[in-house]
Amino acid sequence: MGLCFPCPGESAPASPDPEEKRAKLAEAAERRQREAASRGILDVHSVEEKRRKKEKLEKQIASTGPQTEGGLRWTVS
């Protein structure tokens, strides 16, 4: 038990190149984010669809601008 060094005739195991290691770490981080985002949600697709609809509606409202006619008007007397 303790540190295990390679035998004198054997070479040390090759470590992955930095690019490969970085790609694996990035992939693992993205997977963790997806899992954390969907934690507690039974139907992920339904939630995503509702989110897209909400964004589309907000974008449509923002593109039409403020409505001046037909809206509620407040008067103080």
C-alpha atoms as a PDB file:
ATOM      1  CA  MET A   1       0.000   0.000   0.000  1.00  0.00           C
ATOM      2  CA  GLY A   2       1.374   3.386  -0.766  1.00  0.00           C
ATOM      3  CA  LEU A   3       2.944   4.763  -3.883  1.00  0.00           C
ATOM      4  CA  CYS A   4       3.385   2.305  -6.683  1.00  0.00           C
ATOM      5  CA  PHE A   5       6.229   3.022  -9.056  1.00  0.00           C
ATOM      6  CA  PRO A   6       6.600   1.234 -12.393  1.00  0.00           C
ATOM      7  CA  CYS A   7       9.134  -1.520 -12.594  1.00  0.00           C
ATOM      8  CA  PRO A   8      12.536  -0.393 -13.917  1.00  0.00           C
ATOM      9  CA  GLY A   9      12.009  -2.113 -17.294  1.00  0.00           C
ATOM     10  CA  GLU A  10       8.484  -0.746 -17.841  1.00  0.00           C
ATOM     11  CA  SER A  11       7.515   2.710 -18.993  1.00  0.00           C
ATOM     12  CA  ALA A  12       5.019   4.867 -17.156  1.00  0.00           C
ATOM     13  CA  PRO A  13       1.442   4.811 -18.479  1.00  0.00           C
ATOM     14  CA  ALA A  14       0.847   7.487 -21.079  1.00  0.00           C
ATOM     15  CA  SER A  15      -1.247  10.430 -19.944  1.00  0.00           C
ATOM     16  CA  PRO A  16      -3.829  11.808 -22.371  1.00  0.00           C
ATOM     17  CA  ASP A  17      -2.815  14.857 -24.361  1.00  0.00           C
ATOM     18  CA  PRO A  18      -4.077  18.215 -23.023  1.00  0.00           C
ATOM     19  CA  GLU A  19      -6.591  18.736 -25.847  1.00  0.00           C
ATOM     20  CA  GLU A  20      -8.239  15.355 -25.272  1.00  0.00           C
ATOM     21  CA  LYS A  21      -8.328  15.912 -21.522  1.00  0.00           C
ATOM     22  CA  ARG A  22      -9.849  19.398 -21.966  1.00  0.00           C
ATOM     23  CA  ALA A  23     -12.517  18.040 -24.327  1.00  0.00           C
ATOM     24  CA  LYS A  24     -13.477  15.292 -21.861  1.00  0.00           C
ATOM     25  CA  LEU A  25     -13.681  17.772 -18.977  1.00  0.00           C
ATOM     26  CA  ALA A  26     -15.853  20.148 -21.035  1.00  0.00           C
ATOM     27  CA  GLU A  27     -18.161  17.296 -22.043  1.00  0.00           C
ATOM     28  CA  ALA A  28     -18.502  16.183 -18.426  1.00  0.00           C
ATOM     29  CA  ALA A  29     -19.283  19.735 -17.308  1.00  0.00           C
ATOM     30  CA  GLU A  30     -22.004  20.105 -19.965  1.00  0.00           C
ATOM     31  CA  ARG A  31     -23.505  16.756 -18.955  1.00  0.00           C
ATOM     32  CA  ARG A  32     -23.581  17.831 -15.297  1.00  0.00           C
ATOM     33  CA  GLN A  33     -25.296  21.102 -16.237  1.00  0.00           C
ATOM     34  CA  ARG A  34     -27.964  19.265 -18.255  1.00  0.00           C
ATOM     35  CA  GLU A  35     -28.575  16.831 -15.413  1.00  0.00           C
ATOM     36  CA  ALA A  36     -28.791  19.639 -12.854  1.00  0.00           C
ATOM     37  CA  ALA A  37     -31.184  21.628 -15.054  1.00  0.00           C
ATOM     38  CA  SER A  38     -33.550  18.685 -15.434  1.00  0.00           C
ATOM     39  CA  ARG A  39     -33.368  17.483 -11.830  1.00  0.00           C
ATOM     40  CA  GLY A  40     -36.869  17.133 -10.415  1.00  0.00           C
ATOM     41  CA  ILE A  41     -38.582  17.571 -13.797  1.00  0.00           C
ATOM     42  CA  LEU A  42     -40.533  14.533 -14.945  1.00  0.00           C
ATOM     43  CA  ASP A  43     -41.147  15.627 -18.545  1.00  0.00           C
ATOM     44  CA  VAL A  44     -38.119  17.583 -19.788  1.00  0.00           C
ATOM     45  CA  HIS A  45     -39.440  17.923 -23.358  1.00  0.00           C
ATOM     46  CA  SER A  46     -42.666  19.538 -22.154  1.00  0.00           C
ATOM     47  CA  VAL A  47     -40.762  22.090 -20.093  1.00  0.00           C
ATOM     48  CA  GLU A  48     -38.472  22.922 -23.021  1.00  0.00           C
ATOM     49  CA  GLU A  49     -41.473  23.375 -25.335  1.00  0.00           C
ATOM     50  CA  LYS A  50     -43.200  25.694 -22.849  1.00  0.00           C
ATOM     51  CA  ARG A  51     -39.994  27.714 -22.454  1.00  0.00           C
ATOM     52  CA  ARG A  52     -39.675  28.089 -26.255  1.00  0.00           C
ATOM     53  CA  LYS A  53     -43.320  29.215 -26.532  1.00  0.00           C
ATOM     54  CA  LYS A  54     -42.810  31.765 -23.765  1.00  0.00           C
ATOM     55  CA  GLU A  55     -39.661  33.144 -25.428  1.00  0.00           C
ATOM     56  CA  LYS A  56     -41.451  33.343 -28.783  1.00  0.00           C
ATOM     57  CA  LEU A  57     -44.379  35.212 -27.216  1.00  0.00           C
ATOM     58  CA  GLU A  58     -42.033  37.638 -25.410  1.00  0.00           C
ATOM     59  CA  LYS A  59     -40.091  38.246 -28.632  1.00  0.00           C
ATOM     60  CA  GLN A  60     -43.344  38.885 -30.522  1.00  0.00           C
ATOM     61  CA  ILE A  61     -44.519  41.366 -27.880  1.00  0.00           C
ATOM     62  CA  ALA A  62     -41.154  43.131 -27.922  1.00  0.00           C
ATOM     63  CA  SER A  63     -41.145  43.405 -31.725  1.00  0.00           C
ATOM     64  CA  THR A  64     -44.646  44.904 -31.924  1.00  0.00           C
ATOM     65  CA  GLY A  65     -43.712  47.717 -29.545  1.00  0.00           C
ATOM     66  CA  PRO A  66     -45.952  49.437 -27.040  1.00  0.00           C
ATOM     67  CA  GLN A  67     -49.616  49.505 -27.925  1.00  0.00           C
ATOM     68  CA  THR A  68     -51.161  52.949 -27.744  1.00  0.00           C
ATOM     69  CA  GLU A  69     -54.692  52.157 -28.857  1.00  0.00           C
ATOM     70  CA  GLY A  70     -57.008  49.578 -27.428  1.00  0.00           C
ATOM     71  CA  GLY A  71     -55.111  49.276 -24.184  1.00  0.00           C
ATOM     72  CA  LEU A  72     -56.293  50.203 -20.741  1.00  0.00           C
ATOM     73  CA  ARG A  73     -56.301  53.893 -19.927  1.00  0.00           C
ATOM     74  CA  TRP A  74     -56.186  55.333 -16.472  1.00  0.00           C
ATOM     75  CA  THR A  75     -57.734  58.630 -15.680  1.00  0.00           C
ATOM     76  CA  VAL A  76     -57.483  60.517 -12.443  1.00  0.00           C
ATOM     77  CA  SER A  77     -60.376  62.819 -11.594  1.00  0.00           C
END
